[in-house]
Amino acid sequence: MSEQKGFTLWFTGLPCSGKSAVADRVAEILKKKGLKVERLDGDIVRQSLTRDLGFSKEDRNENIRRVTFVAKLLTRNGVAVLTSFISPYRKLRDHARQEIGNFIEVYVKCPVEVCMKRDTKGMYQKALKGEIKEFTGISDPYEEPLNPEIILETDKETLEESTARVIKRLNDLEYLE
């Protein structure tokens, strides 16, 4: 087998849109194919790498800058990196694309009403009551990607359908053998 080509699958979308679910499932499949895979997930990264950051716009931007740096290092070393972050601002996603190089943007598109129904932590309700400031999709904007490599509509397709579409696109882009 030839050496694995590193890449970053950057899952972006509203809170509770399905980013982590799809990324986790894709990671399982890639591991079964024998690839070196790392998952960088918002909740996990915030417990370790960015524990010192809050949720102001500046802190959220710094969070994404640090994740970009880690993803760049892993990608450069032949790892399949799957990130799942709201990453609401186009400018920072574009920066990640430039820094990382082998970058596949996956827009997990889902109406805010559906995301609110999926919210088991009650974050949307807290945001609507004003208890969470600058909450993406409620009191802070989400800038939709303009030209993502993949758009998943998780309100219209099953987890398996979304996963299959990501794997197919990786094949089409020749990241998988």
C-alpha atoms as a PDB file:
ATOM      1  CA  MET A   1       0.000   0.000   0.000  1.00  0.00           C
ATOM      2  CA  SER A   2       1.302   3.442  -0.864  1.00  0.00           C
ATOM      3  CA  GLU A   3       1.663   6.106   1.788  1.00  0.00           C
ATOM      4  CA  GLN A   4      -1.574   7.661   2.975  1.00  0.00           C
ATOM      5  CA  LYS A   5      -2.311  11.154   1.707  1.00  0.00           C
ATOM      6  CA  GLY A   6      -3.296  13.398   4.596  1.00  0.00           C
ATOM      7  CA  PHE A   7      -6.425  15.513   4.397  1.00  0.00           C
ATOM      8  CA  THR A   8      -8.841  17.399   6.627  1.00  0.00           C
ATOM      9  CA  LEU A   9     -12.588  16.947   6.407  1.00  0.00           C
ATOM     10  CA  TRP A  10     -13.933  20.138   7.986  1.00  0.00           C
ATOM     11  CA  PHE A  11     -17.539  19.628   9.139  1.00  0.00           C
ATOM     12  CA  THR A  12     -19.301  22.962   9.721  1.00  0.00           C
ATOM     13  CA  GLY A  13     -22.897  23.801  10.551  1.00  0.00           C
ATOM     14  CA  LEU A  14     -25.292  24.990  13.226  1.00  0.00           C
ATOM     15  CA  PRO A  15     -25.260  23.476  16.725  1.00  0.00           C
ATOM     16  CA  CYS A  16     -27.059  20.087  16.667  1.00  0.00           C
ATOM     17  CA  SER A  17     -27.024  19.875  12.843  1.00  0.00           C
ATOM     18  CA  GLY A  18     -25.343  16.451  12.906  1.00  0.00           C
ATOM     19  CA  LYS A  19     -21.663  17.344  12.382  1.00  0.00           C
ATOM     20  CA  SER A  20     -20.269  15.049  15.066  1.00  0.00           C
ATOM     21  CA  ALA A  21     -22.586  12.146  14.230  1.00  0.00           C
ATOM     22  CA  VAL A  22     -21.564  12.085  10.576  1.00  0.00           C
ATOM     23  CA  ALA A  23     -17.871  12.739  11.325  1.00  0.00           C
ATOM     24  CA  ASP A  24     -17.802   9.889  13.879  1.00  0.00           C
ATOM     25  CA  ARG A  25     -19.389   7.480  11.399  1.00  0.00           C
ATOM     26  CA  VAL A  26     -17.025   8.502   8.566  1.00  0.00           C
ATOM     27  CA  ALA A  27     -14.066   8.088  10.956  1.00  0.00           C
ATOM     28  CA  GLU A  28     -15.163   4.512  11.753  1.00  0.00           C
ATOM     29  CA  ILE A  29     -15.293   3.638   8.052  1.00  0.00           C
ATOM     30  CA  LEU A  30     -11.912   5.225   7.306  1.00  0.00           C
ATOM     31  CA  LYS A  31     -10.330   3.328  10.223  1.00  0.00           C
ATOM     32  CA  LYS A  32     -11.777   0.055   8.889  1.00  0.00           C
ATOM     33  CA  LYS A  33     -10.113   0.889   5.556  1.00  0.00           C
ATOM     34  CA  GLY A  34      -6.802   1.035   7.427  1.00  0.00           C
ATOM     35  CA  LEU A  35      -6.313   4.810   7.420  1.00  0.00           C
ATOM     36  CA  LYS A  36      -4.711   6.791  10.228  1.00  0.00           C
ATOM     37  CA  VAL A  37      -7.591   8.901  11.510  1.00  0.00           C
ATOM     38  CA  GLU A  38      -7.896  11.649  14.120  1.00  0.00           C
ATOM     39  CA  ARG A  39     -11.126  13.275  15.282  1.00  0.00           C
ATOM     40  CA  LEU A  40     -11.085  16.879  16.474  1.00  0.00           C
ATOM     41  CA  ASP A  41     -14.488  17.592  17.985  1.00  0.00           C
ATOM     42  CA  GLY A  42     -15.615  20.863  19.555  1.00  0.00           C
ATOM     43  CA  ASP A  43     -16.574  19.459  22.951  1.00  0.00           C
ATOM     44  CA  ILE A  44     -13.434  17.312  23.290  1.00  0.00           C
ATOM     45  CA  VAL A  45     -11.017  20.011  22.117  1.00  0.00           C
ATOM     46  CA  ARG A  46     -12.511  22.467  24.605  1.00  0.00           C
ATOM     47  CA  GLN A  47     -11.720  20.070  27.470  1.00  0.00           C
ATOM     48  CA  SER A  48      -8.008  20.004  26.620  1.00  0.00           C
ATOM     49  CA  LEU A  49      -6.468  22.182  23.908  1.00  0.00           C
ATOM     50  CA  THR A  50      -8.660  25.243  24.392  1.00  0.00           C
ATOM     51  CA  ARG A  51      -9.808  24.898  28.001  1.00  0.00           C
ATOM     52  CA  ASP A  52      -8.620  28.470  28.667  1.00  0.00           C
ATOM     53  CA  LEU A  53     -11.052  29.965  26.130  1.00  0.00           C
ATOM     54  CA  GLY A  54     -14.603  31.176  26.620  1.00  0.00           C
ATOM     55  CA  PHE A  55     -17.285  31.723  23.993  1.00  0.00           C
ATOM     56  CA  SER A  56     -16.777  35.371  23.005  1.00  0.00           C
ATOM     57  CA  LYS A  57     -16.254  35.943  19.286  1.00  0.00           C
ATOM     58  CA  GLU A  58     -12.519  36.438  19.922  1.00  0.00           C
ATOM     59  CA  ASP A  59     -12.250  33.210  21.933  1.00  0.00           C
ATOM     60  CA  ARG A  60     -14.233  31.212  19.379  1.00  0.00           C
ATOM     61  CA  ASN A  61     -11.939  32.538  16.639  1.00  0.00           C
ATOM     62  CA  GLU A  62      -8.851  31.572  18.663  1.00  0.00           C
ATOM     63  CA  ASN A  63     -10.364  28.108  19.200  1.00  0.00           C
ATOM     64  CA  ILE A  64     -10.637  27.632  15.417  1.00  0.00           C
ATOM     65  CA  ARG A  65      -7.113  29.009  14.827  1.00  0.00           C
ATOM     66  CA  ARG A  66      -5.656  26.420  17.251  1.00  0.00           C
ATOM     67  CA  VAL A  67      -7.664  23.595  15.698  1.00  0.00           C
ATOM     68  CA  THR A  68      -6.478  24.706  12.255  1.00  0.00           C
ATOM     69  CA  PHE A  69      -2.872  24.507  13.434  1.00  0.00           C
ATOM     70  CA  VAL A  70      -3.306  20.974  14.815  1.00  0.00           C
ATOM     71  CA  ALA A  71      -5.206  19.805  11.713  1.00  0.00           C
ATOM     72  CA  LYS A  72      -2.458  21.242   9.499  1.00  0.00           C
ATOM     73  CA  LEU A  73       0.254  19.302  11.372  1.00  0.00           C
ATOM     74  CA  LEU A  74      -1.701  16.051  11.271  1.00  0.00           C
ATOM     75  CA  THR A  75      -2.640  16.460   7.591  1.00  0.00           C
ATOM     76  CA  ARG A  76       0.980  17.184   6.691  1.00  0.00           C
ATOM     77  CA  ASN A  77       1.918  13.897   8.391  1.00  0.00           C
ATOM     78  CA  GLY A  78      -0.463  11.722   6.379  1.00  0.00           C
ATOM     79  CA  VAL A  79      -3.412  11.616   8.769  1.00  0.00           C
ATOM     80  CA  ALA A  80      -7.092  11.822   7.841  1.00  0.00           C
ATOM     81  CA  VAL A  81      -8.364  14.568  10.152  1.00  0.00           C
ATOM     82  CA  LEU A  82     -12.086  14.967  10.768  1.00  0.00           C
ATOM     83  CA  THR A  83     -13.037  18.173  12.534  1.00  0.00           C
ATOM     84  CA  SER A  84     -16.543  19.019  13.733  1.00  0.00           C
ATOM     85  CA  PHE A  85     -16.883  22.632  14.788  1.00  0.00           C
ATOM     86  CA  ILE A  86     -19.660  25.138  14.263  1.00  0.00           C
ATOM     87  CA  SER A  87     -16.950  27.449  12.851  1.00  0.00           C
ATOM     88  CA  PRO A  88     -19.584  30.036  11.906  1.00  0.00           C
ATOM     89  CA  TYR A  89     -17.343  32.551  10.155  1.00  0.00           C
ATOM     90  CA  ARG A  90     -16.312  32.165   6.509  1.00  0.00           C
ATOM     91  CA  LYS A  91     -13.078  34.106   7.003  1.00  0.00           C
ATOM     92  CA  LEU A  92     -11.739  31.550   9.509  1.00  0.00           C
ATOM     93  CA  ARG A  93     -12.837  28.554   7.431  1.00  0.00           C
ATOM     94  CA  ASP A  94     -11.103  30.127   4.417  1.00  0.00           C
ATOM     95  CA  HIS A  95      -7.989  30.625   6.559  1.00  0.00           C
ATOM     96  CA  ALA A  96      -8.138  26.951   7.600  1.00  0.00           C
ATOM     97  CA  ARG A  97      -8.403  25.931   3.931  1.00  0.00           C
ATOM     98  CA  GLN A  98      -5.330  28.008   3.025  1.00  0.00           C
ATOM     99  CA  GLU A  99      -3.275  26.771   5.985  1.00  0.00           C
ATOM    100  CA  ILE A 100      -4.152  23.082   5.740  1.00  0.00           C
ATOM    101  CA  GLY A 101      -4.077  22.601   1.971  1.00  0.00           C
ATOM    102  CA  ASN A 102      -5.801  19.217   1.545  1.00  0.00           C
ATOM    103  CA  PHE A 103      -9.075  20.597   2.889  1.00  0.00           C
ATOM    104  CA  ILE A 104     -12.587  19.340   2.208  1.00  0.00           C
ATOM    105  CA  GLU A 105     -15.347  21.560   3.552  1.00  0.00           C
ATOM    106  CA  VAL A 106     -18.475  19.642   4.548  1.00  0.00           C
ATOM    107  CA  TYR A 107     -21.478  21.871   5.136  1.00  0.00           C
ATOM    108  CA  VAL A 108     -23.910  20.059   7.403  1.00  0.00           C
ATOM    109  CA  LYS A 109     -27.013  22.003   6.413  1.00  0.00           C
ATOM    110  CA  CYS A 110     -30.012  21.713   8.684  1.00  0.00           C
ATOM    111  CA  PRO A 111     -32.828  24.170   9.462  1.00  0.00           C
ATOM    112  CA  VAL A 112     -32.545  25.810  12.879  1.00  0.00           C
ATOM    113  CA  GLU A 113     -36.002  24.456  13.805  1.00  0.00           C
ATOM    114  CA  VAL A 114     -34.767  20.878  13.334  1.00  0.00           C
ATOM    115  CA  CYS A 115     -31.549  21.616  15.235  1.00  0.00           C
ATOM    116  CA  MET A 116     -33.628  22.967  18.130  1.00  0.00           C
ATOM    117  CA  LYS A 117     -35.640  19.710  18.268  1.00  0.00           C
ATOM    118  CA  ARG A 118     -32.399  17.669  18.370  1.00  0.00           C
ATOM    119  CA  ASP A 119     -30.873  19.769  21.160  1.00  0.00           C
ATOM    120  CA  THR A 120     -30.589  17.453  24.171  1.00  0.00           C
ATOM    121  CA  LYS A 121     -28.546  19.965  26.206  1.00  0.00           C
ATOM    122  CA  GLY A 122     -31.184  22.718  26.024  1.00  0.00           C
ATOM    123  CA  MET A 123     -28.722  25.244  24.575  1.00  0.00           C
ATOM    124  CA  TYR A 124     -31.169  26.758  22.089  1.00  0.00           C
ATOM    125  CA  GLN A 125     -33.773  27.340  24.823  1.00  0.00           C
ATOM    126  CA  LYS A 126     -31.137  29.008  27.018  1.00  0.00           C
ATOM    127  CA  ALA A 127     -30.066  31.170  24.064  1.00  0.00           C
ATOM    128  CA  LEU A 128     -33.668  32.174  23.335  1.00  0.00           C
ATOM    129  CA  LYS A 129     -34.069  33.198  27.004  1.00  0.00           C
ATOM    130  CA  GLY A 130     -30.865  35.246  26.747  1.00  0.00           C
ATOM    131  CA  GLU A 131     -28.970  32.940  29.148  1.00  0.00           C
ATOM    132  CA  ILE A 132     -26.359  32.129  26.482  1.00  0.00           C
ATOM    133  CA  LYS A 133     -24.970  35.205  24.715  1.00  0.00           C
ATOM    134  CA  GLU A 134     -23.688  35.119  21.131  1.00  0.00           C
ATOM    135  CA  PHE A 135     -25.236  31.718  20.376  1.00  0.00           C
ATOM    136  CA  THR A 136     -24.813  30.731  16.716  1.00  0.00           C
ATOM    137  CA  GLY A 137     -28.121  30.556  14.883  1.00  0.00           C
ATOM    138  CA  ILE A 138     -29.994  32.590  17.508  1.00  0.00           C
ATOM    139  CA  SER A 139     -28.092  35.706  18.625  1.00  0.00           C
ATOM    140  CA  ASP A 140     -24.975  35.302  16.486  1.00  0.00           C
ATOM    141  CA  PRO A 141     -24.806  34.701  12.719  1.00  0.00           C
ATOM    142  CA  TYR A 142     -23.790  31.545  10.887  1.00  0.00           C
ATOM    143  CA  GLU A 143     -22.183  32.352   7.551  1.00  0.00           C
ATOM    144  CA  GLU A 144     -23.036  29.504   5.188  1.00  0.00           C
ATOM    145  CA  PRO A 145     -20.149  28.180   3.090  1.00  0.00           C
ATOM    146  CA  LEU A 146     -20.195  29.557  -0.465  1.00  0.00           C
ATOM    147  CA  ASN A 147     -18.490  26.628  -2.244  1.00  0.00           C
ATOM    148  CA  PRO A 148     -18.217  23.610   0.065  1.00  0.00           C
ATOM    149  CA  GLU A 149     -17.000  20.367  -1.488  1.00  0.00           C
ATOM    150  CA  ILE A 150     -19.904  18.546   0.185  1.00  0.00           C
ATOM    151  CA  ILE A 151     -23.354  19.660   1.363  1.00  0.00           C
ATOM    152  CA  LEU A 152     -25.226  17.254   3.617  1.00  0.00           C
ATOM    153  CA  GLU A 153     -28.893  17.910   4.372  1.00  0.00           C
ATOM    154  CA  THR A 154     -29.255  15.994   7.611  1.00  0.00           C
ATOM    155  CA  ASP A 155     -32.947  16.819   7.918  1.00  0.00           C
ATOM    156  CA  LYS A 156     -33.613  15.053   4.593  1.00  0.00           C
ATOM    157  CA  GLU A 157     -31.132  12.157   4.586  1.00  0.00           C
ATOM    158  CA  THR A 158     -30.237   9.425   7.058  1.00  0.00           C
ATOM    159  CA  LEU A 159     -26.906   9.233   8.869  1.00  0.00           C
ATOM    160  CA  GLU A 160     -25.899   6.365   6.568  1.00  0.00           C
ATOM    161  CA  GLU A 161     -26.823   8.346   3.432  1.00  0.00           C
ATOM    162  CA  SER A 162     -24.823  11.366   4.599  1.00  0.00           C
ATOM    163  CA  THR A 163     -21.873   9.123   5.489  1.00  0.00           C
ATOM    164  CA  ALA A 164     -21.985   7.374   2.097  1.00  0.00           C
ATOM    165  CA  ARG A 165     -21.972  10.753   0.312  1.00  0.00           C
ATOM    166  CA  VAL A 166     -18.837  11.831   2.197  1.00  0.00           C
ATOM    167  CA  ILE A 167     -17.018   8.553   1.404  1.00  0.00           C
ATOM    168  CA  LYS A 168     -18.036   8.809  -2.278  1.00  0.00           C
ATOM    169  CA  ARG A 169     -16.718  12.377  -2.478  1.00  0.00           C
ATOM    170  CA  LEU A 170     -13.405  11.337  -0.872  1.00  0.00           C
ATOM    171  CA  ASN A 171     -13.114   8.652  -3.567  1.00  0.00           C
ATOM    172  CA  ASP A 172     -13.987  11.168  -6.317  1.00  0.00           C
ATOM    173  CA  LEU A 173     -11.327  13.565  -4.985  1.00  0.00           C
ATOM    174  CA  GLU A 174      -8.834  10.643  -4.916  1.00  0.00           C
ATOM    175  CA  TYR A 175      -8.113  10.795  -1.199  1.00  0.00           C
ATOM    176  CA  LEU A 176      -9.017   7.107  -0.855  1.00  0.00           C
ATOM    177  CA  GLU A 177      -7.506   4.189  -2.738  1.00  0.00           C
END
